[in-house]
Each structure stands twice: as structure tokens, then as C-alpha cells.
Amino acid sequence: MTKKSISYSEALAEIEMIVEKIENNELDIDDLAQNVKRVAELIKFCKAKLKTTEEEVEKILKDFEEN
């Protein structure tokens, strides 16, 4: 996962920044693999955050419906 605790918004912003650098050919070949690996880690983090949030919302809605 990511090296430090970051928010979903921060992770998404970092992904966008790296993708923009790749699209603009701003990364040399030595940095490309490292940045692609970082994007993969960030995407994994974002997917996990979305899944957790979805589960929390579903639980809240279920509890609300039961009352």
C-alpha cells in the first residue's frame, strides 16, 4: 500500500499528476517504472477506500431502514 497515510483526494491528485507527466513525456525511462508502480499502489489504495466507504454507507442505510 502507500508509504504514508494519505486521503483519497491526495491519492487521486498524485495519480493525475503522474499520468500527466507520462502523457507529456516528462519522465525519463529511469523514472517511468517507479512512477507506474506508484500509480498502481495509489489505485489499489483508492479502490480499497471506495469499497470501505461503500460498505459503511450500506450499513448506515440498512440501520436507518430498520429504525
C-alpha atoms as a PDB file:
ATOM      1  CA  MET A   1       0.000   0.000   0.000  1.00  0.00           C
ATOM      2  CA  THR A   2       1.065   3.621   0.193  1.00  0.00           C
ATOM      3  CA  LYS A   3       4.028   4.560   2.344  1.00  0.00           C
ATOM      4  CA  LYS A   4       2.205   7.184   4.418  1.00  0.00           C
ATOM      5  CA  SER A   5      -1.387   7.760   5.317  1.00  0.00           C
ATOM      6  CA  ILE A   6      -2.985   9.934   2.657  1.00  0.00           C
ATOM      7  CA  SER A   7      -6.513  10.871   1.762  1.00  0.00           C
ATOM      8  CA  TYR A   8      -8.410   9.643  -1.270  1.00  0.00           C
ATOM      9  CA  SER A   9      -8.240  13.139  -2.771  1.00  0.00           C
ATOM     10  CA  GLU A  10      -4.482  13.327  -2.298  1.00  0.00           C
ATOM     11  CA  ALA A  11      -4.013   9.912  -3.895  1.00  0.00           C
ATOM     12  CA  LEU A  12      -6.187  10.859  -6.845  1.00  0.00           C
ATOM     13  CA  ALA A  13      -4.301  14.135  -7.318  1.00  0.00           C
ATOM     14  CA  GLU A  14      -0.978  12.295  -7.291  1.00  0.00           C
ATOM     15  CA  ILE A  15      -2.254   9.781  -9.858  1.00  0.00           C
ATOM     16  CA  GLU A  16      -3.382  12.628 -12.101  1.00  0.00           C
ATOM     17  CA  MET A  17      -0.019  14.387 -11.756  1.00  0.00           C
ATOM     18  CA  ILE A  18       1.948  11.253 -12.671  1.00  0.00           C
ATOM     19  CA  VAL A  19      -0.336  10.433 -15.622  1.00  0.00           C
ATOM     20  CA  GLU A  20       0.046  13.977 -16.914  1.00  0.00           C
ATOM     21  CA  LYS A  21       3.846  13.683 -16.726  1.00  0.00           C
ATOM     22  CA  ILE A  22       3.700  10.384 -18.610  1.00  0.00           C
ATOM     23  CA  GLU A  23       1.398  11.812 -21.284  1.00  0.00           C
ATOM     24  CA  ASN A  24       3.666  14.852 -21.722  1.00  0.00           C
ATOM     25  CA  ASN A  25       6.810  12.695 -21.906  1.00  0.00           C
ATOM     26  CA  GLU A  26       8.237  14.495 -18.864  1.00  0.00           C
ATOM     27  CA  LEU A  27       9.585  11.316 -17.273  1.00  0.00           C
ATOM     28  CA  ASP A  28      12.789   9.711 -18.393  1.00  0.00           C
ATOM     29  CA  ILE A  29      12.937   5.969 -18.812  1.00  0.00           C
ATOM     30  CA  ASP A  30      14.697   5.531 -15.455  1.00  0.00           C
ATOM     31  CA  ASP A  31      11.777   7.070 -13.572  1.00  0.00           C
ATOM     32  CA  LEU A  32       8.957   5.581 -15.627  1.00  0.00           C
ATOM     33  CA  ALA A  33       8.810   2.155 -13.954  1.00  0.00           C
ATOM     34  CA  GLN A  34       8.977   3.685 -10.483  1.00  0.00           C
ATOM     35  CA  ASN A  35       6.122   6.074 -11.280  1.00  0.00           C
ATOM     36  CA  VAL A  36       3.967   3.359 -12.840  1.00  0.00           C
ATOM     37  CA  LYS A  37       4.498   1.274  -9.691  1.00  0.00           C
ATOM     38  CA  ARG A  38       3.452   4.258  -7.540  1.00  0.00           C
ATOM     39  CA  VAL A  39       0.290   4.738  -9.607  1.00  0.00           C
ATOM     40  CA  ALA A  40      -0.556   1.054  -9.160  1.00  0.00           C
ATOM     41  CA  GLU A  41      -0.165   1.415  -5.376  1.00  0.00           C
ATOM     42  CA  LEU A  42      -2.343   4.522  -5.356  1.00  0.00           C
ATOM     43  CA  ILE A  43      -5.049   2.867  -7.455  1.00  0.00           C
ATOM     44  CA  LYS A  44      -5.072  -0.097  -5.061  1.00  0.00           C
ATOM     45  CA  PHE A  45      -5.439   2.331  -2.135  1.00  0.00           C
ATOM     46  CA  CYS A  46      -8.284   4.214  -3.863  1.00  0.00           C
ATOM     47  CA  LYS A  47     -10.160   1.007  -4.695  1.00  0.00           C
ATOM     48  CA  ALA A  48      -9.892  -0.166  -1.091  1.00  0.00           C
ATOM     49  CA  LYS A  49     -11.076   3.222   0.193  1.00  0.00           C
ATOM     50  CA  LEU A  50     -14.064   3.190  -2.154  1.00  0.00           C
ATOM     51  CA  LYS A  51     -15.011  -0.354  -1.106  1.00  0.00           C
ATOM     52  CA  THR A  52     -14.766   0.527   2.588  1.00  0.00           C
ATOM     53  CA  THR A  53     -16.817   3.672   2.097  1.00  0.00           C
ATOM     54  CA  GLU A  54     -19.454   1.777   0.138  1.00  0.00           C
ATOM     55  CA  GLU A  55     -19.745  -0.826   2.906  1.00  0.00           C
ATOM     56  CA  GLU A  56     -20.057   1.891   5.567  1.00  0.00           C
ATOM     57  CA  VAL A  57     -22.784   3.703   3.633  1.00  0.00           C
ATOM     58  CA  GLU A  58     -24.696   0.465   3.057  1.00  0.00           C
ATOM     59  CA  LYS A  59     -24.516  -0.304   6.780  1.00  0.00           C
ATOM     60  CA  ILE A  60     -25.755   3.170   7.691  1.00  0.00           C
ATOM     61  CA  LEU A  61     -28.644   2.902   5.236  1.00  0.00           C
ATOM     62  CA  LYS A  62     -29.550  -0.569   6.497  1.00  0.00           C
ATOM     63  CA  ASP A  63     -29.534   0.645  10.111  1.00  0.00           C
ATOM     64  CA  PHE A  64     -31.645   3.633   9.090  1.00  0.00           C
ATOM     65  CA  GLU A  65     -34.212   1.417   7.359  1.00  0.00           C
ATOM     66  CA  GLU A  66     -34.508  -0.834  10.414  1.00  0.00           C
ATOM     67  CA  ASN A  67     -35.454   2.081  12.670  1.00  0.00           C
END
